[in-house]
C-alpha atoms as a PDB file:
ATOM      1  CA  UNK A   1     -35.150-197.720  76.868  1.00  0.00           C
ATOM      2  CA  UNK A   2     -34.071-194.037  76.296  1.00  0.00           C
ATOM      3  CA  UNK A   3     -35.657-192.489  73.229  1.00  0.00           C
ATOM      4  CA  UNK A   4     -36.428-189.253  72.243  1.00  0.00           C
ATOM      5  CA  UNK A   5     -37.499-190.428  68.999  1.00  0.00           C
ATOM      6  CA  UNK A   6     -41.459-190.391  68.957  1.00  0.00           C
ATOM      7  CA  UNK A   7     -41.513-192.492  66.443  1.00  0.00           C
ATOM      8  CA  UNK A   8     -39.860-195.088  68.606  1.00  0.00           C
ATOM      9  CA  UNK A   9     -41.698-194.631  71.940  1.00  0.00           C
ATOM     10  CA  UNK A  10     -44.639-195.343  70.004  1.00  0.00           C
ATOM     11  CA  UNK A  11     -44.015-198.634  68.779  1.00  0.00           C
ATOM     12  CA  UNK A  12     -42.533-199.943  72.384  1.00  0.00           C
ATOM     13  CA  UNK A  13     -44.984-198.068  73.473  1.00  0.00           C
ATOM     14  CA  UNK A  14     -48.021-200.027  71.504  1.00  0.00           C
ATOM     15  CA  UNK A  15     -46.025-203.141  72.285  1.00  0.00           C
ATOM     16  CA  UNK A  16     -45.532-203.172  76.296  1.00  0.00           C
ATOM     17  CA  UNK A  17     -49.912-201.921  76.071  1.00  0.00           C
ATOM     18  CA  UNK A  18     -50.306-204.989  73.901  1.00  0.00           C
ATOM     19  CA  UNK A  19     -48.658-207.365  75.405  1.00  0.00           C
ATOM     20  CA  UNK A  20     -49.861-206.766  78.753  1.00  0.00           C
ATOM     21  CA  UNK A  21     -53.687-206.380  77.261  1.00  0.00           C
ATOM     22  CA  UNK A  22     -53.200-209.383  75.671  1.00  0.00           C
ATOM     23  CA  UNK A  23     -51.899-211.019  79.295  1.00  0.00           C
ATOM     24  CA  UNK A  24     -55.111-209.816  80.598  1.00  0.00           C
ATOM     25  CA  UNK A  25     -56.987-211.630  78.423  1.00  0.00           C
ATOM     26  CA  UNK A  26     -56.546-214.701  78.661  1.00  0.00           C
ATOM     27  CA  UNK A  27     -58.100-215.663  81.814  1.00  0.00           C
ATOM     28  CA  UNK A  28     -61.659-213.155  80.713  1.00  0.00           C
ATOM     29  CA  UNK A  29     -65.000-214.705  81.339  1.00  0.00           C
ATOM     30  CA  UNK A  30     -66.363-212.183  78.413  1.00  0.00           C
ATOM     31  CA  UNK A  31     -65.262-212.489  74.968  1.00  0.00           C
ATOM     32  CA  UNK A  32     -63.496-208.246  74.250  1.00  0.00           C
ATOM     33  CA  UNK A  33     -66.439-207.863  71.353  1.00  0.00           C
ATOM     34  CA  UNK A  34     -68.601-208.827  74.154  1.00  0.00           C
ATOM     35  CA  UNK A  35     -67.137-207.044  77.182  1.00  0.00           C
ATOM     36  CA  UNK A  36     -66.965-203.845  74.911  1.00  0.00           C
ATOM     37  CA  UNK A  37     -70.781-203.496  74.476  1.00  0.00           C
ATOM     38  CA  UNK A  38     -71.232-203.801  78.486  1.00  0.00           C
ATOM     39  CA  UNK A  39     -68.439-201.650  78.908  1.00  0.00           C
ATOM     40  CA  UNK A  40     -70.894-198.747  76.806  1.00  0.00           C
ATOM     41  CA  UNK A  41     -73.895-199.964  77.954  1.00  0.00           C
ATOM     42  CA  UNK A  42     -72.708-199.482  81.792  1.00  0.00           C
ATOM     43  CA  UNK A  43     -70.937-196.111  80.695  1.00  0.00           C
ATOM     44  CA  UNK A  44     -73.527-194.480  78.259  1.00  0.00           C
ATOM     45  CA  UNK A  45     -76.638-195.808  78.799  1.00  0.00           C
ATOM     46  CA  UNK A  46     -79.069-197.718  76.673  1.00  0.00           C
ATOM     47  CA  UNK A  47     -78.009-197.655  72.851  1.00  0.00           C
ATOM     48  CA  UNK A  48     -79.629-199.372  69.645  1.00  0.00           C
ATOM     49  CA  UNK A  49     -77.847-202.100  68.033  1.00  0.00           C
ATOM     50  CA  UNK A  50     -76.996-199.493  64.907  1.00  0.00           C
ATOM     51  CA  UNK A  51     -75.510-196.946  67.449  1.00  0.00           C
ATOM     52  CA  UNK A  52     -73.735-199.670  69.217  1.00  0.00           C
ATOM     53  CA  UNK A  53     -72.028-200.549  65.789  1.00  0.00           C
ATOM     54  CA  UNK A  54     -71.063-197.383  65.280  1.00  0.00           C
ATOM     55  CA  UNK A  55     -69.556-196.919  68.322  1.00  0.00           C
ATOM     56  CA  UNK A  56     -67.422-200.438  68.170  1.00  0.00           C
ATOM     57  CA  UNK A  57     -67.063-199.800  64.160  1.00  0.00           C
ATOM     58  CA  UNK A  58     -68.589-203.437  63.067  1.00  0.00           C
ATOM     59  CA  UNK A  59     -71.507-204.439  60.498  1.00  0.00           C
ATOM     60  CA  UNK A  60     -74.756-204.049  62.207  1.00  0.00           C
ATOM     61  CA  UNK A  61     -75.576-207.509  61.509  1.00  0.00           C
ATOM     62  CA  UNK A  62     -72.314-208.325  63.513  1.00  0.00           C
ATOM     63  CA  UNK A  63     -73.529-206.188  66.273  1.00  0.00           C
ATOM     64  CA  UNK A  64     -76.744-207.660  65.802  1.00  0.00           C
ATOM     65  CA  UNK A  65     -75.238-211.507  66.610  1.00  0.00           C
ATOM     66  CA  UNK A  66     -73.185-209.788  69.713  1.00  0.00           C
ATOM     67  CA  UNK A  67     -76.505-208.720  71.205  1.00  0.00           C
ATOM     68  CA  UNK A  68     -78.396-211.830  70.731  1.00  0.00           C
ATOM     69  CA  UNK A  69     -75.574-213.553  72.649  1.00  0.00           C
ATOM     70  CA  UNK A  70     -75.389-211.353  75.196  1.00  0.00           C
ATOM     71  CA  UNK A  71     -79.121-212.058  75.457  1.00  0.00           C
ATOM     72  CA  UNK A  72     -79.252-215.222  75.775  1.00  0.00           C
ATOM     73  CA  UNK A  73     -77.071-215.307  78.717  1.00  0.00           C
ATOM     74  CA  UNK A  74     -78.810-212.495  80.180  1.00  0.00           C
ATOM     75  CA  UNK A  75     -76.565-209.834  79.955  1.00  0.00           C
ATOM     76  CA  UNK A  76     -78.173-207.283  78.217  1.00  0.00           C
ATOM     77  CA  UNK A  77     -82.460-206.380  77.973  1.00  0.00           C
ATOM     78  CA  UNK A  78     -83.201-205.481  74.996  1.00  0.00           C
ATOM     79  CA  UNK A  79     -87.143-202.980  75.136  1.00  0.00           C
ATOM     80  CA  UNK A  80     -88.825-200.868  72.618  1.00  0.00           C
ATOM     81  CA  UNK A  81     -87.615-197.187  71.394  1.00  0.00           C
ATOM     82  CA  UNK A  82     -89.301-195.009  73.703  1.00  0.00           C
ATOM     83  CA  UNK A  83     -89.983-192.693  70.770  1.00  0.00           C
ATOM     84  CA  UNK A  84     -89.094-194.790  67.583  1.00  0.00           C
ATOM     85  CA  UNK A  85     -91.090-198.048  67.666  1.00  0.00           C
ATOM     86  CA  UNK A  86     -89.629-199.387  64.738  1.00  0.00           C
ATOM     87  CA  UNK A  87     -86.139-200.129  67.156  1.00  0.00           C
ATOM     88  CA  UNK A  88     -85.579-201.596  70.201  1.00  0.00           C
ATOM     89  CA  UNK A  89     -83.008-200.524  73.099  1.00  0.00           C
ATOM     90  CA  UNK A  90     -80.628-202.647  73.939  1.00  0.00           C
ATOM     91  CA  UNK A  91     -79.411-202.457  78.270  1.00  0.00           C
ATOM     92  CA  UNK A  92     -77.168-203.650  81.413  1.00  0.00           C
ATOM     93  CA  UNK A  93     -79.078-205.801  83.244  1.00  0.00           C
ATOM     94  CA  UNK A  94     -77.355-205.945  86.722  1.00  0.00           C
ATOM     95  CA  UNK A  95     -75.488-209.294  85.450  1.00  0.00           C
ATOM     96  CA  UNK A  96     -74.736-208.458  82.476  1.00  0.00           C
ATOM     97  CA  UNK A  97     -73.537-205.377  85.242  1.00  0.00           C
ATOM     98  CA  UNK A  98     -72.300-207.919  87.505  1.00  0.00           C
ATOM     99  CA  UNK A  99     -70.320-209.788  84.706  1.00  0.00           C
ATOM    100  CA  UNK A 100     -68.079-206.644  83.735  1.00  0.00           C
ATOM    101  CA  UNK A 101     -67.692-205.216  87.523  1.00  0.00           C
ATOM    102  CA  UNK A 102     -65.681-208.504  87.899  1.00  0.00           C
ATOM    103  CA  UNK A 103     -63.527-209.189  84.877  1.00  0.00           C
ATOM    104  CA  UNK A 104     -62.762-205.769  85.699  1.00  0.00           C
ATOM    105  CA  UNK A 105     -62.361-206.068  89.318  1.00  0.00           C
ATOM    106  CA  UNK A 106     -60.296-209.319  88.349  1.00  0.00           C
ATOM    107  CA  UNK A 107     -57.878-208.081  85.739  1.00  0.00           C
ATOM    108  CA  UNK A 108     -57.333-204.457  88.263  1.00  0.00           C
ATOM    109  CA  UNK A 109     -56.443-207.386  91.221  1.00  0.00           C
ATOM    110  CA  UNK A 110     -54.032-209.205  88.229  1.00  0.00           C
ATOM    111  CA  UNK A 111     -51.843-205.655  87.981  1.00  0.00           C
ATOM    112  CA  UNK A 112     -52.033-204.625  91.450  1.00  0.00           C
ATOM    113  CA  UNK A 113     -50.458-207.799  92.089  1.00  0.00           C
ATOM    114  CA  UNK A 114     -47.907-207.596  89.483  1.00  0.00           C
ATOM    115  CA  UNK A 115     -47.069-204.242  90.538  1.00  0.00           C
ATOM    116  CA  UNK A 116     -46.862-205.188  93.963  1.00  0.00           C
ATOM    117  CA  UNK A 117     -44.604-208.470  92.920  1.00  0.00           C
ATOM    118  CA  UNK A 118     -42.670-206.902  90.443  1.00  0.00           C
ATOM    119  CA  UNK A 119     -41.789-202.872  90.784  1.00  0.00           C
ATOM    120  CA  UNK A 120     -39.445-201.444  93.713  1.00  0.00           C
ATOM    121  CA  UNK A 121     -42.240-198.689  95.197  1.00  0.00           C
ATOM    122  CA  UNK A 122     -39.747-195.717  93.276  1.00  0.00           C
ATOM    123  CA  UNK A 123     -40.685-197.583  89.959  1.00  0.00           C
ATOM    124  CA  UNK A 124     -44.215-198.196  90.782  1.00  0.00           C
ATOM    125  CA  UNK A 125     -44.209-194.236  91.955  1.00  0.00           C
ATOM    126  CA  UNK A 126     -42.803-193.891  88.208  1.00  0.00           C
ATOM    127  CA  UNK A 127     -46.036-195.644  86.900  1.00  0.00           C
ATOM    128  CA  UNK A 128     -48.767-193.611  89.035  1.00  0.00           C
ATOM    129  CA  UNK A 129     -46.850-190.468  87.615  1.00  0.00           C
ATOM    130  CA  UNK A 130     -46.761-191.739  83.949  1.00  0.00           C
ATOM    131  CA  UNK A 131     -50.868-192.149  84.186  1.00  0.00           C
ATOM    132  CA  UNK A 132     -52.206-188.505  83.236  1.00  0.00           C
ATOM    133  CA  UNK A 133     -49.288-188.271  80.917  1.00  0.00           C
ATOM    134  CA  UNK A 134     -51.232-191.399  78.658  1.00  0.00           C
ATOM    135  CA  UNK A 135     -54.517-189.811  78.970  1.00  0.00           C
ATOM    136  CA  UNK A 136     -53.363-187.591  77.347  1.00  0.00           C
ATOM    137  CA  UNK A 137     -51.780-189.174  74.773  1.00  0.00           C
ATOM    138  CA  UNK A 138     -55.745-189.801  73.937  1.00  0.00           C
END
């Protein structure tokens, strides 16, 4: 695809990235909403359920269900908020951090295998060179 039309490029990029992401999710052990919450907690540290709901742009009730599932699975723990006794902080447990890292590692391995199997060395270099451009889009 050699397009100079940004809208056409955007549509092709959305399609390609969407297809890649869906293919990688097929073997995920964690549902996407749970993995996203763990990702926030591992990267940013403890958060309240309300803060997580805002970050994920979902209703508080939906996030409360997600947090309950993660808690039941031992992937997060809840502890009293240090300054507001009415609130609880949600924290990723060691098991939650390990589960998230395992899922990411599996995905990265699948991408690495596809790069090695399907791209020439020159294409691999071109793909690597495009990564900074993709980062600038967000």
